[in-house]
N, C-alpha and C. Protein backbone atom coordinates (compact mmCIF):
# COMPACT_ATOMS: atom_id res chain seq x y z
N MET A 1 -41.56 35.90 -172.70
CA MET A 1 -43.49 36.49 -172.09
C MET A 1 -44.11 35.82 -172.73
N THR A 2 -45.90 35.68 -172.43
CA THR A 2 -46.65 34.57 -173.34
C THR A 2 -47.45 35.96 -172.56
N ARG A 3 -48.15 35.60 -174.33
CA ARG A 3 -48.94 37.60 -174.34
C ARG A 3 -50.90 35.92 -174.38
N VAL A 4 -51.20 37.15 -172.80
CA VAL A 4 -52.61 35.82 -172.52
C VAL A 4 -53.13 36.11 -173.09
N TRP A 5 -54.87 35.61 -173.66
CA TRP A 5 -56.48 36.11 -173.85
C TRP A 5 -57.57 36.71 -173.27
N LEU A 6 -57.75 37.27 -172.82
CA LEU A 6 -59.01 37.36 -171.82
C LEU A 6 -60.06 38.16 -172.69
N ASP A 7 -61.20 37.32 -172.06
CA ASP A 7 -62.22 37.56 -173.27
C ASP A 7 -63.26 38.38 -172.09
N SER A 8 -64.02 39.67 -172.60
CA SER A 8 -64.46 40.83 -172.13
C SER A 8 -65.36 40.00 -171.15
N THR A 9 -65.99 38.89 -172.35
CA THR A 9 -67.57 38.57 -171.74
C THR A 9 -67.18 37.51 -170.09
N GLU A 10 -65.54 36.65 -170.24
CA GLU A 10 -65.38 36.33 -168.72
C GLU A 10 -65.28 37.79 -167.24
N TRP A 11 -64.66 38.47 -167.96
CA TRP A 11 -64.24 40.03 -167.33
C TRP A 11 -64.76 40.69 -167.09
N ASP A 12 -65.79 40.65 -168.21
CA ASP A 12 -67.35 41.68 -167.27
C ASP A 12 -67.67 40.73 -166.22
N CYS A 13 -68.42 39.14 -166.35
CA CYS A 13 -68.34 38.87 -164.78
C CYS A 13 -67.81 38.74 -163.81
N CYS A 14 -66.57 38.24 -163.41
CA CYS A 14 -65.32 38.86 -162.07
C CYS A 14 -63.94 38.46 -161.82
N GLY A 15 -63.81 39.29 -162.89
CA GLY A 15 -62.03 39.85 -163.34
C GLY A 15 -61.56 40.64 -161.90
N ASP A 16 -60.85 40.48 -161.68
CA ASP A 16 -60.34 41.25 -160.89
C ASP A 16 -59.28 42.20 -161.15
N PRO A 17 -59.44 43.47 -161.25
CA PRO A 17 -58.87 45.10 -161.62
C PRO A 17 -57.47 44.28 -161.46
N PHE A 18 -57.06 44.64 -162.44
CA PHE A 18 -55.19 44.52 -162.93
C PHE A 18 -54.40 45.36 -163.90
N THR A 19 -53.75 45.53 -163.51
CA THR A 19 -52.76 47.55 -164.04
C THR A 19 -51.84 46.67 -164.85
N LEU A 20 -50.13 47.45 -165.44
CA LEU A 20 -49.23 47.27 -165.25
C LEU A 20 -48.35 47.26 -163.89
N SER A 21 -47.24 45.90 -163.97
CA SER A 21 -46.49 45.69 -163.19
C SER A 21 -47.28 44.77 -161.87
N ASP A 22 -48.34 44.39 -161.63
CA ASP A 22 -48.98 43.50 -161.28
C ASP A 22 -48.64 41.97 -161.50
N GLU A 23 -48.33 41.49 -160.21
CA GLU A 23 -48.47 39.57 -159.97
C GLU A 23 -49.92 39.95 -160.62
N VAL A 24 -50.50 38.72 -161.47
CA VAL A 24 -51.31 38.12 -162.28
C VAL A 24 -51.55 36.17 -162.31
N ASP A 25 -51.71 35.44 -162.22
CA ASP A 25 -52.11 34.34 -161.94
C ASP A 25 -53.63 34.16 -163.42
N PHE A 26 -53.26 34.08 -164.46
CA PHE A 26 -54.63 33.30 -164.69
C PHE A 26 -54.50 31.59 -165.41
N VAL A 27 -55.95 31.09 -165.36
CA VAL A 27 -56.09 30.08 -165.79
C VAL A 27 -56.28 29.72 -166.68
N VAL A 28 -55.40 28.49 -167.58
CA VAL A 28 -55.18 28.57 -169.34
C VAL A 28 -56.10 27.90 -169.73
N HIS A 29 -57.27 28.13 -170.36
CA HIS A 29 -57.88 27.32 -170.73
C HIS A 29 -57.62 26.19 -172.37
N ARG A 30 -56.92 26.88 -172.59
CA ARG A 30 -56.00 26.29 -174.05
C ARG A 30 -54.75 27.13 -174.62
N ARG A 31 -54.09 26.30 -175.10
CA ARG A 31 -52.76 27.49 -175.47
C ARG A 31 -52.91 27.60 -176.93
N THR A 32 -54.40 27.19 -177.59
CA THR A 32 -53.78 27.45 -179.39
C THR A 32 -55.38 28.14 -179.48
N PRO A 33 -55.07 28.88 -180.71
CA PRO A 33 -56.25 29.55 -181.16
C PRO A 33 -57.22 28.94 -181.57
N SER A 34 -59.21 28.57 -181.39
CA SER A 34 -59.94 28.09 -181.49
C SER A 34 -59.93 28.73 -183.24
N ASP A 35 -60.35 27.50 -184.18
CA ASP A 35 -60.48 28.65 -185.54
C ASP A 35 -61.37 29.45 -186.16
N GLU A 36 -62.30 29.96 -184.85
CA GLU A 36 -62.79 30.83 -185.08
C GLU A 36 -62.91 31.93 -184.62
N PHE A 37 -61.37 32.15 -183.34
CA PHE A 37 -60.64 33.24 -183.33
C PHE A 37 -59.72 33.29 -184.25
N VAL A 38 -59.17 32.54 -184.82
CA VAL A 38 -58.19 33.02 -186.15
C VAL A 38 -58.73 33.51 -187.35
N ARG A 39 -60.10 33.09 -187.41
CA ARG A 39 -61.81 33.91 -188.62
C ARG A 39 -61.43 35.49 -188.40
N ASP A 40 -62.31 35.08 -186.72
CA ASP A 40 -62.68 36.32 -186.11
C ASP A 40 -61.60 37.86 -186.26
N LEU A 41 -60.57 37.61 -185.29
CA LEU A 41 -59.09 38.55 -185.68
C LEU A 41 -58.61 38.00 -186.93
N GLY A 42 -57.85 37.31 -187.85
CA GLY A 42 -56.99 37.20 -188.18
C GLY A 42 -55.45 35.93 -187.48
N ALA A 43 -54.80 35.10 -188.60
CA ALA A 43 -53.95 34.56 -188.16
C ALA A 43 -53.00 35.65 -187.74
N GLU A 44 -52.20 36.46 -188.34
CA GLU A 44 -51.09 37.54 -187.55
C GLU A 44 -51.58 37.91 -186.02
N LEU A 45 -52.83 37.77 -186.21
CA LEU A 45 -53.47 38.01 -184.59
C LEU A 45 -52.84 36.44 -183.41
N ALA A 46 -53.81 36.17 -184.11
CA ALA A 46 -53.87 34.45 -183.29
C ALA A 46 -52.63 33.94 -183.16
N ALA A 47 -51.59 34.27 -184.43
CA ALA A 47 -50.60 33.49 -184.16
C ALA A 47 -49.82 34.47 -182.56
N THR A 48 -50.63 35.55 -182.19
CA THR A 48 -48.88 36.07 -181.10
C THR A 48 -49.57 35.85 -180.20
N VAL A 49 -50.75 34.77 -179.86
CA VAL A 49 -51.55 34.56 -179.05
C VAL A 49 -51.04 33.07 -177.72
N GLY A 50 -50.39 33.38 -177.19
CA GLY A 50 -50.10 32.44 -176.25
C GLY A 50 -50.67 31.43 -175.33
N ALA A 51 -51.72 31.66 -174.95
CA ALA A 51 -52.61 31.00 -174.25
C ALA A 51 -53.96 32.01 -173.74
N PHE A 52 -54.28 31.50 -173.88
CA PHE A 52 -56.52 31.82 -173.77
C PHE A 52 -56.69 31.79 -172.30
N GLU A 53 -56.74 32.83 -171.62
CA GLU A 53 -57.69 32.39 -170.11
C GLU A 53 -58.93 32.64 -170.22
N ARG A 54 -59.30 31.29 -168.98
CA ARG A 54 -60.87 31.17 -168.44
C ARG A 54 -60.75 31.65 -167.20
N ARG A 55 -61.53 31.82 -166.99
CA ARG A 55 -62.87 32.54 -165.73
C ARG A 55 -63.19 31.51 -164.39
N HIS A 56 -64.10 31.00 -165.82
CA HIS A 56 -64.54 29.38 -164.66
C HIS A 56 -64.34 28.01 -165.91
N PRO A 57 -62.86 27.82 -165.87
CA PRO A 57 -62.57 26.78 -166.76
C PRO A 57 -63.83 25.11 -166.51
N GLN A 58 -64.36 24.28 -167.26
CA GLN A 58 -65.45 23.69 -167.54
C GLN A 58 -64.93 22.33 -167.11
N ALA A 59 -63.36 22.15 -167.40
CA ALA A 59 -62.77 20.59 -166.19
C ALA A 59 -61.52 21.56 -165.36
N THR A 60 -61.28 20.75 -164.91
CA THR A 60 -59.60 20.93 -163.86
C THR A 60 -59.09 20.92 -164.47
N THR A 61 -58.06 22.77 -164.58
CA THR A 61 -56.92 21.85 -165.02
C THR A 61 -56.11 22.73 -164.24
N ASN A 62 -54.62 21.86 -164.15
CA ASN A 62 -53.31 22.89 -163.61
C ASN A 62 -52.53 24.17 -164.35
N ASP A 63 -53.34 24.02 -165.66
CA ASP A 63 -52.55 25.23 -167.32
C ASP A 63 -52.61 26.72 -166.37
N ARG A 64 -51.81 27.46 -166.20
CA ARG A 64 -51.55 27.92 -165.88
C ARG A 64 -50.45 29.23 -166.66
N VAL A 65 -50.85 30.60 -166.59
CA VAL A 65 -50.08 31.72 -166.56
C VAL A 65 -49.87 33.07 -165.87
N GLN A 66 -47.86 32.97 -165.02
CA GLN A 66 -48.58 33.50 -163.72
C GLN A 66 -46.86 34.44 -163.95
N GLY A 67 -47.26 35.20 -163.86
CA GLY A 67 -45.57 36.43 -163.89
C GLY A 67 -46.88 38.43 -163.55
N ARG A 68 -45.58 38.96 -164.08
CA ARG A 68 -46.31 39.99 -164.11
C ARG A 68 -46.24 40.66 -165.39
N VAL A 69 -47.14 41.90 -164.79
CA VAL A 69 -48.05 42.37 -166.30
C VAL A 69 -46.86 43.14 -166.76
N THR A 70 -46.37 43.30 -168.19
CA THR A 70 -45.78 44.60 -168.87
C THR A 70 -46.19 44.71 -169.85
N VAL A 71 -47.23 44.81 -170.09
CA VAL A 71 -48.42 45.25 -171.43
C VAL A 71 -49.68 44.97 -171.20
N ILE A 72 -50.37 45.55 -172.05
CA ILE A 72 -51.60 45.74 -171.98
C ILE A 72 -52.20 45.87 -173.05
N GLN A 73 -52.54 44.79 -174.27
CA GLN A 73 -53.50 45.44 -175.61
C GLN A 73 -54.73 45.45 -175.61
N ILE A 74 -55.14 46.50 -175.59
CA ILE A 74 -57.32 46.12 -176.07
C ILE A 74 -57.18 45.84 -177.64
N VAL A 75 -57.91 44.80 -177.74
CA VAL A 75 -58.66 44.00 -178.92
C VAL A 75 -60.10 45.08 -179.26
N LEU A 76 -60.54 46.07 -180.51
CA LEU A 76 -61.77 45.91 -180.24
C LEU A 76 -62.19 45.68 -181.32
N GLN A 77 -62.79 45.11 -181.79
CA GLN A 77 -63.73 44.57 -183.23
C GLN A 77 -65.02 45.46 -183.36
N ASP A 78 -65.24 46.27 -184.72
CA ASP A 78 -66.61 46.41 -184.40
C ASP A 78 -67.63 45.45 -185.45
N THR A 79 -68.71 45.30 -186.04
CA THR A 79 -69.09 44.85 -186.74
C THR A 79 -70.43 45.50 -187.58
N VAL A 80 -70.23 45.16 -189.19
CA VAL A 80 -70.94 45.95 -189.63
C VAL A 80 -71.97 45.15 -190.31
N THR A 81 -73.08 45.79 -190.23
CA THR A 81 -74.24 44.23 -191.31
C THR A 81 -74.61 45.76 -192.01
N ARG A 82 -74.50 44.72 -193.74
CA ARG A 82 -75.16 46.07 -194.41
C ARG A 82 -76.58 44.95 -195.13
N SER A 83 -76.85 45.44 -196.34
CA SER A 83 -78.31 44.71 -196.10
C SER A 83 -78.67 46.26 -197.38
N SER A 84 -79.20 44.73 -198.49
CA SER A 84 -79.42 45.67 -199.95
C SER A 84 -81.57 45.25 -200.19
N PRO A 85 -81.34 46.20 -200.49
CA PRO A 85 -83.05 45.46 -201.24
C PRO A 85 -82.79 44.59 -202.01
N VAL A 86 -83.87 43.25 -202.29
CA VAL A 86 -83.66 42.19 -203.24
C VAL A 86 -85.27 42.58 -203.89
N VAL A 87 -85.00 42.55 -205.42
CA VAL A 87 -85.96 43.34 -206.57
C VAL A 87 -86.03 41.60 -206.58
N PRO A 88 -87.64 41.43 -206.79
CA PRO A 88 -88.06 39.86 -207.03
C PRO A 88 -88.19 39.82 -208.06
N GLY A 89 -87.45 38.37 -208.89
CA GLY A 89 -87.15 38.05 -210.48
C GLY A 89 -85.53 38.58 -211.12
N THR A 90 -84.42 39.27 -210.37
CA THR A 90 -83.08 39.60 -210.36
C THR A 90 -82.22 38.32 -209.56
N VAL A 91 -81.21 38.58 -209.72
CA VAL A 91 -80.11 37.65 -209.73
C VAL A 91 -79.51 38.48 -209.24
N HIS A 92 -78.62 38.62 -208.09
CA HIS A 92 -77.99 38.92 -207.11
C HIS A 92 -76.33 38.09 -207.35
N ARG A 93 -75.36 39.13 -207.09
CA ARG A 93 -73.95 38.82 -207.33
C ARG A 93 -73.74 37.28 -205.64
N GLY A 94 -73.17 36.40 -206.00
CA GLY A 94 -73.02 35.45 -204.98
C GLY A 94 -74.70 34.40 -204.75
N MET A 95 -75.36 34.45 -205.37
CA MET A 95 -77.13 33.69 -205.47
C MET A 95 -77.19 33.33 -207.50
N THR A 96 -77.63 32.66 -207.04
CA THR A 96 -78.07 31.50 -208.54
C THR A 96 -79.39 30.96 -209.02
């Protein structure tokens, strides 16, 4: 079994809907996670992904994952932005 990462920006554009037990044919962009993927989602999750799908590959590829969908897992990520007021003349942690 291969876990395939499908990015929402790719699928919002032109992905075909699928569900459990459907036959699928995904074009593989790469087989290893990027450094950014590992940093954003963590090494533990990144290690479980065996292929990264791309709807519009930039280069020709014959690398594909074909088979029947047995599990669908959705990963959501929230970003929290925090700020603190800076008082002129004071030193803040992380600043010198």
